[in-house]
Amino acid sequence: VQLQASGGGLAQTGGSLRLSCAASGFRLDYYGVGWFRQAPGKEREGVSCISRRDGSRHYSDSVKGRFTIVRDNAKKMVYLQMNSLKPEDPAIYYCALDGPGGFNVDTCLSTNDYNYWGQGTLVTVSS
């Protein structure tokens, strides 16, 4: 089982980045997926999540209207399109697979809902 986030980098305030989460070794459509971020000295926080097949999505208030989560189960990919980046967005971004309890839109931004975490990708925003 492998889960790898990529696409991070440096963007300007107001700019955009698209993060990718690549899955291998398992069927991605068996899992809900979450994107999380962790800034230095802060706890990991949920950014967005998407259900296994029907595409139900949820966003944190801090990114709602700016970020979009999309999945392509055939390609085993989940994307996070980040627009209108702000100075508070820099962090290491992680994607994760939900656990046996399944996807719950009410709790899918909680780290407790996730069993498997990939390596993160660093996002930096310049002013």
C-alpha atoms as a PDB file:
ATOM      1  CA  VAL A   1       0.000   0.000   0.000  1.00  0.00           C
ATOM      2  CA  GLN A   2       1.386   3.356  -1.006  1.00  0.00           C
ATOM      3  CA  LEU A   3      -0.051   6.831  -0.778  1.00  0.00           C
ATOM      4  CA  GLN A   4       2.033   9.736  -1.994  1.00  0.00           C
ATOM      5  CA  ALA A   5       1.244  13.426  -2.010  1.00  0.00           C
ATOM      6  CA  SER A   6       2.970  15.709  -4.483  1.00  0.00           C
ATOM      7  CA  GLY A   7       2.577  19.047  -6.173  1.00  0.00           C
ATOM      8  CA  GLY A   8       3.620  21.305  -3.374  1.00  0.00           C
ATOM      9  CA  GLY A   9       5.937  24.205  -3.930  1.00  0.00           C
ATOM     10  CA  LEU A  10       6.138  27.947  -3.784  1.00  0.00           C
ATOM     11  CA  ALA A  11       3.241  30.114  -4.861  1.00  0.00           C
ATOM     12  CA  GLN A  12       2.468  33.759  -4.463  1.00  0.00           C
ATOM     13  CA  THR A  13      -0.340  35.073  -2.343  1.00  0.00           C
ATOM     14  CA  GLY A  14      -3.419  34.842  -4.496  1.00  0.00           C
ATOM     15  CA  GLY A  15      -1.854  32.160  -6.637  1.00  0.00           C
ATOM     16  CA  SER A  16      -2.708  28.527  -7.172  1.00  0.00           C
ATOM     17  CA  LEU A  17      -1.279  25.071  -6.722  1.00  0.00           C
ATOM     18  CA  ARG A  18      -2.686  21.645  -7.427  1.00  0.00           C
ATOM     19  CA  LEU A  19      -1.751  18.864  -5.086  1.00  0.00           C
ATOM     20  CA  SER A  20      -1.967  15.239  -6.144  1.00  0.00           C
ATOM     21  CA  CYS A  21      -2.383  12.138  -4.030  1.00  0.00           C
ATOM     22  CA  ALA A  22      -1.365   8.961  -5.831  1.00  0.00           C
ATOM     23  CA  ALA A  23      -2.479   5.574  -4.567  1.00  0.00           C
ATOM     24  CA  SER A  24      -0.973   2.223  -5.453  1.00  0.00           C
ATOM     25  CA  GLY A  25      -1.311  -1.325  -4.270  1.00  0.00           C
ATOM     26  CA  PHE A  26      -5.011  -1.148  -3.452  1.00  0.00           C
ATOM     27  CA  ARG A  27      -8.352  -0.063  -4.827  1.00  0.00           C
ATOM     28  CA  LEU A  28      -8.756   3.609  -4.108  1.00  0.00           C
ATOM     29  CA  ASP A  29     -12.539   3.458  -4.530  1.00  0.00           C
ATOM     30  CA  TYR A  30     -12.750   1.428  -1.319  1.00  0.00           C
ATOM     31  CA  TYR A  31     -11.732   4.472   0.695  1.00  0.00           C
ATOM     32  CA  GLY A  32     -12.751   7.982   1.517  1.00  0.00           C
ATOM     33  CA  VAL A  33      -9.819  10.363   1.289  1.00  0.00           C
ATOM     34  CA  GLY A  34      -8.908  13.393   3.300  1.00  0.00           C
ATOM     35  CA  TRP A  35      -6.445  16.197   2.841  1.00  0.00           C
ATOM     36  CA  PHE A  36      -4.826  17.577   5.937  1.00  0.00           C
ATOM     37  CA  ARG A  37      -2.166  20.128   6.671  1.00  0.00           C
ATOM     38  CA  GLN A  38       0.255  20.792   9.459  1.00  0.00           C
ATOM     39  CA  ALA A  39       2.093  24.038   9.942  1.00  0.00           C
ATOM     40  CA  PRO A  40       5.124  24.311  12.237  1.00  0.00           C
ATOM     41  CA  GLY A  41       4.094  24.278  15.870  1.00  0.00           C
ATOM     42  CA  LYS A  42       0.473  23.560  15.060  1.00  0.00           C
ATOM     43  CA  GLU A  43      -1.714  20.503  15.143  1.00  0.00           C
ATOM     44  CA  ARG A  44      -2.642  18.685  11.994  1.00  0.00           C
ATOM     45  CA  GLU A  45      -5.933  19.999  10.698  1.00  0.00           C
ATOM     46  CA  GLY A  46      -8.420  18.717   8.175  1.00  0.00           C
ATOM     47  CA  VAL A  47      -8.720  20.715   4.974  1.00  0.00           C
ATOM     48  CA  SER A  48     -11.015  18.687   2.784  1.00  0.00           C
ATOM     49  CA  CYS A  49     -12.416  15.195   2.372  1.00  0.00           C
ATOM     50  CA  ILE A  50     -14.239  13.208  -0.270  1.00  0.00           C
ATOM     51  CA  SER A  51     -16.304  10.042  -0.083  1.00  0.00           C
ATOM     52  CA  ARG A  52     -15.511   6.808  -1.865  1.00  0.00           C
ATOM     53  CA  ARG A  53     -17.682   6.942  -4.933  1.00  0.00           C
ATOM     54  CA  ASP A  54     -20.454   9.478  -4.888  1.00  0.00           C
ATOM     55  CA  GLY A  55     -18.094  12.352  -4.517  1.00  0.00           C
ATOM     56  CA  SER A  56     -19.554  13.879  -1.371  1.00  0.00           C
ATOM     57  CA  ARG A  57     -17.156  16.594  -0.346  1.00  0.00           C
ATOM     58  CA  HIS A  58     -16.512  18.649   2.716  1.00  0.00           C
ATOM     59  CA  TYR A  59     -14.227  21.583   3.386  1.00  0.00           C
ATOM     60  CA  SER A  60     -12.938  23.395   6.400  1.00  0.00           C
ATOM     61  CA  ASP A  61     -14.188  26.939   6.786  1.00  0.00           C
ATOM     62  CA  SER A  62     -10.680  28.250   6.238  1.00  0.00           C
ATOM     63  CA  VAL A  63     -10.509  26.902   2.666  1.00  0.00           C
ATOM     64  CA  LYS A  64     -14.136  26.761   1.586  1.00  0.00           C
ATOM     65  CA  GLY A  65     -14.613  28.521  -1.716  1.00  0.00           C
ATOM     66  CA  ARG A  66     -10.899  28.451  -2.482  1.00  0.00           C
ATOM     67  CA  PHE A  67      -9.966  24.773  -2.509  1.00  0.00           C
ATOM     68  CA  THR A  68     -11.573  21.971  -4.489  1.00  0.00           C
ATOM     69  CA  ILE A  69     -11.131  18.251  -3.932  1.00  0.00           C
ATOM     70  CA  VAL A  70     -11.587  15.863  -6.835  1.00  0.00           C
ATOM     71  CA  ARG A  71     -10.970  12.168  -7.209  1.00  0.00           C
ATOM     72  CA  ASP A  72     -10.372   9.916 -10.194  1.00  0.00           C
ATOM     73  CA  ASN A  73     -10.722   6.341  -9.019  1.00  0.00           C
ATOM     74  CA  ALA A  74      -9.735   4.905 -12.391  1.00  0.00           C
ATOM     75  CA  LYS A  75      -6.405   6.716 -12.198  1.00  0.00           C
ATOM     76  CA  LYS A  76      -6.159   6.148  -8.440  1.00  0.00           C
ATOM     77  CA  MET A  77      -5.667   9.831  -7.874  1.00  0.00           C
ATOM     78  CA  VAL A  78      -7.131  12.480  -5.612  1.00  0.00           C
ATOM     79  CA  TYR A  79      -6.427  16.137  -6.259  1.00  0.00           C
ATOM     80  CA  LEU A  80      -6.628  19.275  -4.210  1.00  0.00           C
ATOM     81  CA  GLN A  81      -6.882  22.407  -6.316  1.00  0.00           C
ATOM     82  CA  MET A  82      -5.849  25.353  -4.191  1.00  0.00           C
ATOM     83  CA  ASN A  83      -6.721  28.802  -5.457  1.00  0.00           C
ATOM     84  CA  SER A  84      -6.444  32.249  -3.914  1.00  0.00           C
ATOM     85  CA  LEU A  85      -3.678  31.083  -1.628  1.00  0.00           C
ATOM     86  CA  LYS A  86      -3.262  33.036   1.568  1.00  0.00           C
ATOM     87  CA  PRO A  87      -0.339  33.603   3.937  1.00  0.00           C
ATOM     88  CA  GLU A  88      -2.000  31.218   6.403  1.00  0.00           C
ATOM     89  CA  ASP A  89      -2.034  28.297   3.949  1.00  0.00           C
ATOM     90  CA  PRO A  90       1.646  27.241   4.104  1.00  0.00           C
ATOM     91  CA  ALA A  91       2.077  23.828   5.673  1.00  0.00           C
ATOM     92  CA  ILE A  92       2.951  20.276   4.907  1.00  0.00           C
ATOM     93  CA  TYR A  93      -0.083  18.797   3.213  1.00  0.00           C
ATOM     94  CA  TYR A  94      -0.966  15.136   3.639  1.00  0.00           C
ATOM     95  CA  CYS A  95      -3.521  12.845   2.105  1.00  0.00           C
ATOM     96  CA  ALA A  96      -4.994   9.981   4.067  1.00  0.00           C
ATOM     97  CA  LEU A  97      -7.358   7.022   3.702  1.00  0.00           C
ATOM     98  CA  ASP A  98     -10.323   6.568   5.972  1.00  0.00           C
ATOM     99  CA  GLY A  99     -10.678   3.586   8.244  1.00  0.00           C
ATOM    100  CA  PRO A 100     -13.112   0.670   8.464  1.00  0.00           C
ATOM    101  CA  GLY A 101     -15.827   2.892   9.890  1.00  0.00           C
ATOM    102  CA  GLY A 102     -16.295   4.401   6.484  1.00  0.00           C
ATOM    103  CA  PHE A 103     -16.811   7.942   5.333  1.00  0.00           C
ATOM    104  CA  ASN A 104     -18.775  10.302   7.538  1.00  0.00           C
ATOM    105  CA  VAL A 105     -19.148  13.821   6.228  1.00  0.00           C
ATOM    106  CA  ASP A 106     -19.700  15.083   9.781  1.00  0.00           C
ATOM    107  CA  THR A 107     -16.343  13.828  11.006  1.00  0.00           C
ATOM    108  CA  CYS A 108     -14.251  13.425   7.874  1.00  0.00           C
ATOM    109  CA  LEU A 109     -12.046  16.398   8.745  1.00  0.00           C
ATOM    110  CA  SER A 110     -10.917  14.701  11.937  1.00  0.00           C
ATOM    111  CA  THR A 111      -7.634  12.821  11.939  1.00  0.00           C
ATOM    112  CA  ASN A 112      -9.398  10.149  14.003  1.00  0.00           C
ATOM    113  CA  ASP A 113     -11.260   9.002  10.901  1.00  0.00           C
ATOM    114  CA  TYR A 114      -8.088   8.002   9.074  1.00  0.00           C
ATOM    115  CA  ASN A 115      -5.967   4.918   9.283  1.00  0.00           C
ATOM    116  CA  TYR A 116      -3.327   5.382   6.661  1.00  0.00           C
ATOM    117  CA  TRP A 117      -1.269   8.452   5.932  1.00  0.00           C
ATOM    118  CA  GLY A 118       0.992   9.190   3.031  1.00  0.00           C
ATOM    119  CA  GLN A 119       4.077  11.334   3.060  1.00  0.00           C
ATOM    120  CA  GLY A 120       3.357  15.010   2.801  1.00  0.00           C
ATOM    121  CA  THR A 121       4.193  17.738   0.362  1.00  0.00           C
ATOM    122  CA  LEU A 122       5.316  21.198   1.399  1.00  0.00           C
ATOM    123  CA  VAL A 123       3.348  24.272   0.357  1.00  0.00           C
ATOM    124  CA  THR A 124       4.895  27.704   0.751  1.00  0.00           C
ATOM    125  CA  VAL A 125       3.203  31.006  -0.001  1.00  0.00           C
ATOM    126  CA  SER A 126       5.113  34.213  -0.565  1.00  0.00           C
ATOM    127  CA  SER A 127       3.632  37.636  -0.025  1.00  0.00           C
END
